Every structure is written in structure tokens, then in C-alpha cells.
Amino acid sequence: MTSSQDEVFKLYDVNDVTKYYPKFTEGEWRVGVTFNPSNNEWVDEVKRATAELIDLLEEMKSKSNDPRSLAKAQTDYEQAAMWAVKGITKTKKE
């Protein structure tokens, strides 16, 4: 590898995604709040609300006697958002 190629790899370090993406909260990252190719307002609403719930539980985990249950709830919220988005965006069967 040449030194110029080394420089390119240093500039585009794929392991440091913070250089390329905005800072997301845990909830925003988990629901993919910026991904909405259909530009559907309901999808945005579901993702924002879900992100807020996940973030609320994230704050509670450090003070909880049972952070595992809160982590499970976060995963369930994330999964519920995925099903909701599918329900919102799926086209009718012909």
C-alpha cells in the first residue's frame, strides 16, 4: 500500500462513524430515525415517539435494580416500531 493510500484510509476510518453521522440518542439510533424513504409522516411520528421511550428507559437503567428488564423493554419498543412501520407502509395485496 502506498503512503497516499494510507492517507485515504486514515481520512475514511470506517470504525469511527462519528465523523460521518450526526450524534444520535440511543433511541434515535435504534429506530433509524432518519431512515424514511417513503417520507410518510406517520412513520416519522412512530419513530420519534419510540425513540423517546427508548431514551427514557436508557436514563432509568443506571438507577434500576433490574436494568435487564429495561433493556428488554427497549428491544420490544424497537420491535414494535418496526411492526408499526410495516403496517403503515405495506401496500394492499392485489
PDB file of N, CA and C in Angstrom:
ATOM      1  N   MET A   1       0.843  -1.168   0.000  1.00  0.00           N
ATOM      2  CA  MET A   1       0.000   0.000   0.000  1.00  0.00           C
ATOM      3  C   MET A   1       0.894   1.240   0.000  1.00  0.00           C
ATOM      4  N   THR A   2       0.562   2.193  -0.822  1.00  0.00           N
ATOM      5  CA  THR A   2       1.364   3.415  -0.901  1.00  0.00           C
ATOM      6  C   THR A   2       0.994   4.351   0.244  1.00  0.00           C
ATOM      7  N   SER A   3       1.840   5.348   0.458  1.00  0.00           N
ATOM      8  CA  SER A   3       1.557   6.293   1.548  1.00  0.00           C
ATOM      9  C   SER A   3       0.290   7.100   1.263  1.00  0.00           C
ATOM     10  N   SER A   4       0.010   7.387  -0.025  1.00  0.00           N
ATOM     11  CA  SER A   4      -1.218   8.127  -0.338  1.00  0.00           C
ATOM     12  C   SER A   4      -2.460   7.277  -0.042  1.00  0.00           C
ATOM     13  N   GLN A   5      -2.361   5.971  -0.274  1.00  0.00           N
ATOM     14  CA  GLN A   5      -3.481   5.093   0.073  1.00  0.00           C
ATOM     15  C   GLN A   5      -3.670   5.046   1.581  1.00  0.00           C
ATOM     16  N   ASP A   6      -2.561   5.027   2.319  1.00  0.00           N
ATOM     17  CA  ASP A   6      -2.653   5.059   3.779  1.00  0.00           C
ATOM     18  C   ASP A   6      -3.380   6.307   4.248  1.00  0.00           C
ATOM     19  N   GLU A   7      -3.084   7.435   3.616  1.00  0.00           N
ATOM     20  CA  GLU A   7      -3.732   8.698   3.991  1.00  0.00           C
ATOM     21  C   GLU A   7      -5.234   8.637   3.737  1.00  0.00           C
ATOM     22  N   VAL A   8      -5.624   8.036   2.623  1.00  0.00           N
ATOM     23  CA  VAL A   8      -7.053   7.915   2.313  1.00  0.00           C
ATOM     24  C   VAL A   8      -7.743   7.084   3.383  1.00  0.00           C
ATOM     25  N   PHE A   9      -7.123   5.965   3.779  1.00  0.00           N
ATOM     26  CA  PHE A   9      -7.730   5.126   4.805  1.00  0.00           C
ATOM     27  C   PHE A   9      -7.820   5.851   6.142  1.00  0.00           C
ATOM     28  N   LYS A  10      -6.864   6.704   6.433  1.00  0.00           N
ATOM     29  CA  LYS A  10      -6.925   7.482   7.675  1.00  0.00           C
ATOM     30  C   LYS A  10      -8.081   8.482   7.612  1.00  0.00           C
ATOM     31  N   LEU A  11      -8.296   9.057   6.438  1.00  0.00           N
ATOM     32  CA  LEU A  11      -9.394  10.017   6.294  1.00  0.00           C
ATOM     33  C   LEU A  11     -10.759   9.343   6.393  1.00  0.00           C
ATOM     34  N   TYR A  12     -10.861   8.128   5.920  1.00  0.00           N
ATOM     35  CA  TYR A  12     -12.139   7.427   5.876  1.00  0.00           C
ATOM     36  C   TYR A  12     -12.110   6.205   6.782  1.00  0.00           C
ATOM     37  N   ASP A  13     -11.903   6.449   8.051  1.00  0.00           N
ATOM     38  CA  ASP A  13     -11.857   5.371   9.028  1.00  0.00           C
ATOM     39  C   ASP A  13     -13.280   4.885   9.292  1.00  0.00           C
ATOM     40  N   VAL A  14     -13.629   3.740   8.730  1.00  0.00           N
ATOM     41  CA  VAL A  14     -14.996   3.234   8.858  1.00  0.00           C
ATOM     42  C   VAL A  14     -15.337   2.846  10.287  1.00  0.00           C
ATOM     43  N   ASN A  15     -14.343   2.701  11.136  1.00  0.00           N
ATOM     44  CA  ASN A  15     -14.605   2.362  12.527  1.00  0.00           C
ATOM     45  C   ASN A  15     -15.004   3.577  13.360  1.00  0.00           C
ATOM     46  N   ASP A  16     -14.802   4.769  12.829  1.00  0.00           N
ATOM     47  CA  ASP A  16     -15.164   5.984  13.546  1.00  0.00           C
ATOM     48  C   ASP A  16     -16.333   6.650  12.831  1.00  0.00           C
ATOM     49  N   VAL A  17     -17.530   6.113  13.045  1.00  0.00           N
ATOM     50  CA  VAL A  17     -18.710   6.631  12.340  1.00  0.00           C
ATOM     51  C   VAL A  17     -19.114   8.013  12.819  1.00  0.00           C
ATOM     52  N   THR A  18     -18.612   8.444  13.977  1.00  0.00           N
ATOM     53  CA  THR A  18     -18.982   9.771  14.471  1.00  0.00           C
ATOM     54  C   THR A  18     -18.492  10.877  13.549  1.00  0.00           C
ATOM     55  N   LYS A  19     -17.507  10.571  12.700  1.00  0.00           N
ATOM     56  CA  LYS A  19     -17.026  11.566  11.745  1.00  0.00           C
ATOM     57  C   LYS A  19     -18.051  11.818  10.642  1.00  0.00           C
ATOM     58  N   TYR A  20     -18.878  10.831  10.364  1.00  0.00           N
ATOM     59  CA  TYR A  20     -19.750  10.891   9.194  1.00  0.00           C
ATOM     60  C   TYR A  20     -21.226  11.053   9.523  1.00  0.00           C
ATOM     61  N   TYR A  21     -21.618  10.743  10.728  1.00  0.00           N
ATOM     62  CA  TYR A  21     -23.030  10.777  11.088  1.00  0.00           C
ATOM     63  C   TYR A  21     -23.232  11.715  12.261  1.00  0.00           C
ATOM     64  N   PRO A  22     -24.404  12.332  12.326  1.00  0.00           N
ATOM     65  CA  PRO A  22     -24.679  13.199  13.478  1.00  0.00           C
ATOM     66  C   PRO A  22     -24.785  12.361  14.751  1.00  0.00           C
ATOM     67  N   LYS A  23     -24.694  13.012  15.871  1.00  0.00           N
ATOM     68  CA  LYS A  23     -24.842  12.317  17.154  1.00  0.00           C
ATOM     69  C   LYS A  23     -26.318  11.982  17.352  1.00  0.00           C
ATOM     70  N   PHE A  24     -26.579  10.715  17.536  1.00  0.00           N
ATOM     71  CA  PHE A  24     -27.939  10.264  17.798  1.00  0.00           C
ATOM     72  C   PHE A  24     -28.059   9.837  19.250  1.00  0.00           C
ATOM     73  N   THR A  25     -29.248   9.981  19.803  1.00  0.00           N
ATOM     74  CA  THR A  25     -29.509   9.369  21.094  1.00  0.00           C
ATOM     75  C   THR A  25     -29.611   7.858  20.866  1.00  0.00           C
ATOM     76  N   GLU A  26     -29.606   7.103  21.937  1.00  0.00           N
ATOM     77  CA  GLU A  26     -29.743   5.651  21.810  1.00  0.00           C
ATOM     78  C   GLU A  26     -31.031   5.300  21.067  1.00  0.00           C
ATOM     79  N   GLY A  27     -32.126   5.952  21.425  1.00  0.00           N
ATOM     80  CA  GLY A  27     -33.405   5.677  20.783  1.00  0.00           C
ATOM     81  C   GLY A  27     -33.428   6.049  19.310  1.00  0.00           C
ATOM     82  N   GLU A  28     -32.896   7.221  18.986  1.00  0.00           N
ATOM     83  CA  GLU A  28     -32.855   7.655  17.586  1.00  0.00           C
ATOM     84  C   GLU A  28     -32.041   6.691  16.736  1.00  0.00           C
ATOM     85  N   TRP A  29     -30.915   6.232  17.300  1.00  0.00           N
ATOM     86  CA  TRP A  29     -30.060   5.298  16.559  1.00  0.00           C
ATOM     87  C   TRP A  29     -30.755   3.956  16.370  1.00  0.00           C
ATOM     88  N   ARG A  30     -31.412   3.465  17.428  1.00  0.00           N
ATOM     89  CA  ARG A  30     -32.017   2.134  17.367  1.00  0.00           C
ATOM     90  C   ARG A  30     -33.201   2.071  16.408  1.00  0.00           C
ATOM     91  N   VAL A  31     -33.980   3.140  16.307  1.00  0.00           N
ATOM     92  CA  VAL A  31     -35.138   3.098  15.395  1.00  0.00           C
ATOM     93  C   VAL A  31     -34.807   3.632  14.008  1.00  0.00           C
ATOM     94  N   GLY A  32     -33.598   4.130  13.819  1.00  0.00           N
ATOM     95  CA  GLY A  32     -33.240   4.664  12.498  1.00  0.00           C
ATOM     96  C   GLY A  32     -34.087   5.866  12.143  1.00  0.00           C
ATOM     97  N   VAL A  33     -34.079   6.839  13.029  1.00  0.00           N
ATOM     98  CA  VAL A  33     -34.988   7.976  12.922  1.00  0.00           C
ATOM     99  C   VAL A  33     -34.852   8.752  11.615  1.00  0.00           C
ATOM    100  N   THR A  34     -33.707   8.708  10.973  1.00  0.00           N
ATOM    101  CA  THR A  34     -33.534   9.449   9.715  1.00  0.00           C
ATOM    102  C   THR A  34     -33.884   8.622   8.484  1.00  0.00           C
ATOM    103  N   PHE A  35     -34.178   7.331   8.669  1.00  0.00           N
ATOM    104  CA  PHE A  35     -34.488   6.473   7.526  1.00  0.00           C
ATOM    105  C   PHE A  35     -35.997   6.385   7.333  1.00  0.00           C
ATOM    106  N   ASN A  36     -36.485   7.057   6.312  1.00  0.00           N
ATOM    107  CA  ASN A  36     -37.900   7.047   5.971  1.00  0.00           C
ATOM    108  C   ASN A  36     -38.028   7.325   4.477  1.00  0.00           C
ATOM    109  N   PRO A  37     -37.677   6.341   3.633  1.00  0.00           N
ATOM    110  CA  PRO A  37     -37.689   6.587   2.187  1.00  0.00           C
ATOM    111  C   PRO A  37     -39.061   6.928   1.632  1.00  0.00           C
ATOM    112  N   SER A  38     -40.114   6.544   2.342  1.00  0.00           N
ATOM    113  CA  SER A  38     -41.466   6.861   1.867  1.00  0.00           C
ATOM    114  C   SER A  38     -41.883   8.277   2.237  1.00  0.00           C
ATOM    115  N   ASN A  39     -41.082   8.942   3.081  1.00  0.00           N
ATOM    116  CA  ASN A  39     -41.425  10.282   3.584  1.00  0.00           C
ATOM    117  C   ASN A  39     -42.816  10.328   4.198  1.00  0.00           C
ATOM    118  N   ASN A  40     -43.198   9.252   4.859  1.00  0.00           N
ATOM    119  CA  ASN A  40     -44.509   9.142   5.474  1.00  0.00           C
ATOM    120  C   ASN A  40     -44.484   9.793   6.859  1.00  0.00           C
ATOM    121  N   GLU A  41     -45.403  10.712   7.111  1.00  0.00           N
ATOM    122  CA  GLU A  41     -45.448  11.434   8.389  1.00  0.00           C
ATOM    123  C   GLU A  41     -45.713  10.491   9.558  1.00  0.00           C
ATOM    124  N   TRP A  42     -46.537   9.483   9.358  1.00  0.00           N
ATOM    125  CA  TRP A  42     -46.836   8.535  10.434  1.00  0.00           C
ATOM    126  C   TRP A  42     -45.584   7.757  10.832  1.00  0.00           C
ATOM    127  N   VAL A  43     -44.759   7.406   9.847  1.00  0.00           N
ATOM    128  CA  VAL A  43     -43.501   6.709  10.145  1.00  0.00           C
ATOM    129  C   VAL A  43     -42.627   7.596  11.015  1.00  0.00           C
ATOM    130  N   ASP A  44     -42.516   8.871  10.654  1.00  0.00           N
ATOM    131  CA  ASP A  44     -41.733   9.809  11.465  1.00  0.00           C
ATOM    132  C   ASP A  44     -42.274   9.885  12.890  1.00  0.00           C
ATOM    133  N   GLU A  45     -43.601   9.957  13.017  1.00  0.00           N
ATOM    134  CA  GLU A  45     -44.230  10.045  14.334  1.00  0.00           C
ATOM    135  C   GLU A  45     -43.941   8.816  15.189  1.00  0.00           C
ATOM    136  N   VAL A  46     -44.099   7.645  14.598  1.00  0.00           N
ATOM    137  CA  VAL A  46     -43.851   6.394  15.319  1.00  0.00           C
ATOM    138  C   VAL A  46     -42.398   6.317  15.757  1.00  0.00           C
ATOM    139  N   LYS A  47     -41.490   6.655  14.854  1.00  0.00           N
ATOM    140  CA  LYS A  47     -40.067   6.565  15.177  1.00  0.00           C
ATOM    141  C   LYS A  47     -39.661   7.567  16.253  1.00  0.00           C
ATOM    142  N   ARG A  48     -40.166   8.773  16.179  1.00  0.00           N
ATOM    143  CA  ARG A  48     -39.846   9.789  17.197  1.00  0.00           C
ATOM    144  C   ARG A  48     -40.373   9.371  18.572  1.00  0.00           C
ATOM    145  N   ALA A  49     -41.626   8.923  18.618  1.00  0.00           N
ATOM    146  CA  ALA A  49     -42.219   8.509  19.894  1.00  0.00           C
ATOM    147  C   ALA A  49     -41.473   7.317  20.479  1.00  0.00           C
ATOM    148  N   THR A  50     -41.131   6.363  19.639  1.00  0.00           N
ATOM    149  CA  THR A  50     -40.401   5.182  20.098  1.00  0.00           C
ATOM    150  C   THR A  50     -39.016   5.563  20.590  1.00  0.00           C
ATOM    151  N   ALA A  51     -38.345   6.453  19.873  1.00  0.00           N
ATOM    152  CA  ALA A  51     -37.016   6.905  20.288  1.00  0.00           C
ATOM    153  C   ALA A  51     -37.084   7.555  21.675  1.00  0.00           C
ATOM    154  N   GLU A  52     -38.117   8.338  21.921  1.00  0.00           N
ATOM    155  CA  GLU A  52     -38.274   8.980  23.231  1.00  0.00           C
ATOM    156  C   GLU A  52     -38.464   7.949  24.331  1.00  0.00           C
ATOM    157  N   LEU A  53     -39.266   6.918  24.080  1.00  0.00           N
ATOM    158  CA  LEU A  53     -39.474   5.867  25.079  1.00  0.00           C
ATOM    159  C   LEU A  53     -38.182   5.103  25.359  1.00  0.00           C
ATOM    160  N   ILE A  54     -37.454   4.773  24.307  1.00  0.00           N
ATOM    161  CA  ILE A  54     -36.179   4.059  24.478  1.00  0.00           C
ATOM    162  C   ILE A  54     -35.202   4.927  25.271  1.00  0.00           C
ATOM    163  N   ASP A  55     -35.146   6.220  24.968  1.00  0.00           N
ATOM    164  CA  ASP A  55     -34.243   7.125  25.680  1.00  0.00           C
ATOM    165  C   ASP A  55     -34.636   7.259  27.154  1.00  0.00           C
ATOM    166  N   LEU A  56     -35.930   7.299  27.436  1.00  0.00           N
ATOM    167  CA  LEU A  56     -36.399   7.368  28.814  1.00  0.00           C
ATOM    168  C   LEU A  56     -35.912   6.149  29.606  1.00  0.00           C
ATOM    169  N   LEU A  57     -36.068   4.973  29.021  1.00  0.00           N
ATOM    170  CA  LEU A  57     -35.616   3.758  29.690  1.00  0.00           C
ATOM    171  C   LEU A  57     -34.101   3.716  29.821  1.00  0.00           C
ATOM    172  N   GLU A  58     -33.393   4.291  28.858  1.00  0.00           N
ATOM    173  CA  GLU A  58     -31.926   4.345  28.915  1.00  0.00           C
ATOM    174  C   GLU A  58     -31.479   5.125  30.153  1.00  0.00           C
ATOM    175  N   GLU A  59     -32.162   6.225  30.438  1.00  0.00           N
ATOM    176  CA  GLU A  59     -31.856   7.020  31.623  1.00  0.00           C
ATOM    177  C   GLU A  59     -32.120   6.229  32.899  1.00  0.00           C
ATOM    178  N   MET A  60     -33.155   5.425  32.892  1.00  0.00           N
ATOM    179  CA  MET A  60     -33.552   4.667  34.084  1.00  0.00           C
ATOM    180  C   MET A  60     -32.634   3.484  34.377  1.00  0.00           C
ATOM    181  N   LYS A  61     -31.967   2.954  33.350  1.00  0.00           N
ATOM    182  CA  LYS A  61     -31.169   1.732  33.525  1.00  0.00           C
ATOM    183  C   LYS A  61     -30.088   1.868  34.585  1.00  0.00           C
ATOM    184  N   SER A  62     -29.434   3.003  34.659  1.00  0.00           N
ATOM    185  CA  SER A  62     -28.330   3.167  35.613  1.00  0.00           C
ATOM    186  C   SER A  62     -28.827   3.238  37.064  1.00  0.00           C
ATOM    187  N   LYS A  63     -30.105   3.545  37.261  1.00  0.00           N
ATOM    188  CA  LYS A  63     -30.660   3.676  38.608  1.00  0.00           C
ATOM    189  C   LYS A  63     -31.540   2.488  38.989  1.00  0.00           C
ATOM    190  N   SER A  64     -31.697   1.570  38.071  1.00  0.00           N
ATOM    191  CA  SER A  64     -32.625   0.462  38.280  1.00  0.00           C
ATOM    192  C   SER A  64     -31.949  -0.725  38.954  1.00  0.00           C
ATOM    193  N   ASN A  65     -32.740  -1.484  39.703  1.00  0.00           N
ATOM    194  CA  ASN A  65     -32.271  -2.748  40.266  1.00  0.00           C
ATOM    195  C   ASN A  65     -32.368  -3.868  39.238  1.00  0.00           C
ATOM    196  N   ASP A  66     -33.034  -3.587  38.134  1.00  0.00           N
ATOM    197  CA  ASP A  66     -33.226  -4.606  37.097  1.00  0.00           C
ATOM    198  C   ASP A  66     -33.049  -3.998  35.707  1.00  0.00           C
ATOM    199  N   PRO A  67     -31.822  -3.582  35.364  1.00  0.00           N
ATOM    200  CA  PRO A  67     -31.598  -2.969  34.055  1.00  0.00           C
ATOM    201  C   PRO A  67     -31.857  -3.930  32.899  1.00  0.00           C
ATOM    202  N   ARG A  68     -31.756  -5.223  33.152  1.00  0.00           N
ATOM    203  CA  ARG A  68     -32.017  -6.217  32.097  1.00  0.00           C
ATOM    204  C   ARG A  68     -33.459  -6.118  31.604  1.00  0.00           C
ATOM    205  N   SER A  69     -34.393  -5.950  32.520  1.00  0.00           N
ATOM    206  CA  SER A  69     -35.800  -5.813  32.121  1.00  0.00           C
ATOM    207  C   SER A  69     -36.024  -4.547  31.312  1.00  0.00           C
ATOM    208  N   LEU A  70     -35.348  -3.484  31.688  1.00  0.00           N
ATOM    209  CA  LEU A  70     -35.467  -2.235  30.924  1.00  0.00           C
ATOM    210  C   LEU A  70     -34.861  -2.389  29.533  1.00  0.00           C
ATOM    211  N   ALA A  71     -33.748  -3.109  29.438  1.00  0.00           N
ATOM    212  CA  ALA A  71     -33.131  -3.359  28.127  1.00  0.00           C
ATOM    213  C   ALA A  71     -34.075  -4.187  27.254  1.00  0.00           C
ATOM    214  N   LYS A  72     -34.738  -5.158  27.865  1.00  0.00           N
ATOM    215  CA  LYS A  72     -35.713  -5.977  27.123  1.00  0.00           C
ATOM    216  C   LYS A  72     -36.869  -5.107  26.638  1.00  0.00           C
ATOM    217  N   ALA A  73     -37.336  -4.203  27.494  1.00  0.00           N
ATOM    218  CA  ALA A  73     -38.414  -3.293  27.100  1.00  0.00           C
ATOM    219  C   ALA A  73     -37.984  -2.407  25.935  1.00  0.00           C
ATOM    220  N   GLN A  74     -36.726  -1.949  25.963  1.00  0.00           N
ATOM    221  CA  GLN A  74     -36.217  -1.145  24.846  1.00  0.00           C
ATOM    222  C   GLN A  74     -36.262  -1.939  23.544  1.00  0.00           C
ATOM    223  N   THR A  75     -35.842  -3.184  23.615  1.00  0.00           N
ATOM    224  CA  THR A  75     -35.858  -4.039  22.426  1.00  0.00           C
ATOM    225  C   THR A  75     -37.288  -4.250  21.942  1.00  0.00           C
ATOM    226  N   ASP A  76     -38.207  -4.442  22.867  1.00  0.00           N
ATOM    227  CA  ASP A  76     -39.605  -4.639  22.484  1.00  0.00           C
ATOM    228  C   ASP A  76     -40.202  -3.383  21.853  1.00  0.00           C
ATOM    229  N   TYR A  77     -39.843  -2.209  22.372  1.00  0.00           N
ATOM    230  CA  TYR A  77     -40.278  -0.956  21.742  1.00  0.00           C
ATOM    231  C   TYR A  77     -39.731  -0.852  20.319  1.00  0.00           C
ATOM    232  N   GLU A  78     -38.463  -1.196  20.184  1.00  0.00           N
ATOM    233  CA  GLU A  78     -37.820  -1.155  18.865  1.00  0.00           C
ATOM    234  C   GLU A  78     -38.550  -2.084  17.893  1.00  0.00           C
ATOM    235  N   GLN A  79     -38.844  -3.278  18.356  1.00  0.00           N
ATOM    236  CA  GLN A  79     -39.547  -4.246  17.508  1.00  0.00           C
ATOM    237  C   GLN A  79     -40.963  -3.764  17.186  1.00  0.00           C
ATOM    238  N   ALA A  80     -41.639  -3.192  18.166  1.00  0.00           N
ATOM    239  CA  ALA A  80     -42.993  -2.664  17.926  1.00  0.00           C
ATOM    240  C   ALA A  80     -42.971  -1.572  16.864  1.00  0.00           C
ATOM    241  N   ALA A  81     -41.949  -0.728  16.899  1.00  0.00           N
ATOM    242  CA  ALA A  81     -41.827   0.333  15.887  1.00  0.00           C
ATOM    243  C   ALA A  81     -41.645  -0.272  14.503  1.00  0.00           C
ATOM    244  N   MET A  82     -40.857  -1.335  14.411  1.00  0.00           N
ATOM    245  CA  MET A  82     -40.660  -1.985  13.103  1.00  0.00           C
ATOM    246  C   MET A  82     -41.978  -2.531  12.561  1.00  0.00           C
ATOM    247  N   TRP A  83     -42.757  -3.177  13.439  1.00  0.00           N
ATOM    248  CA  TRP A  83     -44.054  -3.706  13.001  1.00  0.00           C
ATOM    249  C   TRP A  83     -45.006  -2.569  12.627  1.00  0.00           C
ATOM    250  N   ALA A  84     -44.970  -1.495  13.395  1.00  0.00           N
ATOM    251  CA  ALA A  84     -45.842  -0.354  13.090  1.00  0.00           C
ATOM    252  C   ALA A  84     -45.492   0.248  11.733  1.00  0.00           C
ATOM    253  N   VAL A  85     -44.190   0.407  11.466  1.00  0.00           N
ATOM    254  CA  VAL A  85     -43.763   0.952  10.172  1.00  0.00           C
ATOM    255  C   VAL A  85     -44.203   0.026   9.043  1.00  0.00           C
ATOM    256  N   LYS A  86     -44.096  -1.276   9.253  1.00  0.00           N
ATOM    257  CA  LYS A  86     -44.555  -2.214   8.226  1.00  0.00           C
ATOM    258  C   LYS A  86     -46.051  -2.042   7.997  1.00  0.00           C
ATOM    259  N   GLY A  87     -46.807  -1.934   9.086  1.00  0.00           N
ATOM    260  CA  GLY A  87     -48.247  -1.752   8.969  1.00  0.00           C
ATOM    261  C   GLY A  87     -48.632  -0.464   8.263  1.00  0.00           C
ATOM    262  N   ILE A  88     -47.858   0.563   8.481  1.00  0.00           N
ATOM    263  CA  ILE A  88     -48.124   1.866   7.857  1.00  0.00           C
ATOM    264  C   ILE A  88     -47.771   1.863   6.376  1.00  0.00           C
ATOM    265  N   THR A  89     -46.681   1.215   6.018  1.00  0.00           N
ATOM    266  CA  THR A  89     -46.147   1.360   4.659  1.00  0.00           C
ATOM    267  C   THR A  89     -46.486   0.215   3.714  1.00  0.00           C
ATOM    268  N   LYS A  90     -46.949  -0.902   4.221  1.00  0.00           N
ATOM    269  CA  LYS A  90     -47.217  -2.049   3.349  1.00  0.00           C
ATOM    270  C   LYS A  90     -48.393  -1.755   2.428  1.00  0.00           C
ATOM    271  N   THR A  91     -48.239  -2.120   1.172  1.00  0.00           N
ATOM    272  CA  THR A  91     -49.308  -1.902   0.204  1.00  0.00           C
ATOM    273  C   THR A  91     -50.319  -3.048   0.263  1.00  0.00           C
ATOM    274  N   LYS A  92     -51.504  -2.790  -0.214  1.00  0.00           N
ATOM    275  CA  LYS A  92     -52.548  -3.816  -0.213  1.00  0.00           C
ATOM    276  C   LYS A  92     -52.193  -4.941  -1.150  1.00  0.00           C
ATOM    277  N   LYS A  93     -52.577  -6.137  -0.742  1.00  0.00           N
ATOM    278  CA  LYS A  93     -52.373  -7.305  -1.583  1.00  0.00           C
ATOM    279  C   LYS A  93     -53.367  -7.256  -2.735  1.00  0.00           C
ATOM    280  N   GLU A  94     -52.888  -7.432  -3.919  1.00  0.00           N
ATOM    281  CA  GLU A  94     -53.749  -7.375  -5.120  1.00  0.00           C
ATOM    282  C   GLU A  94     -54.450  -8.669  -5.344  1.00  0.00           C
TER     283      GLU A  94
END
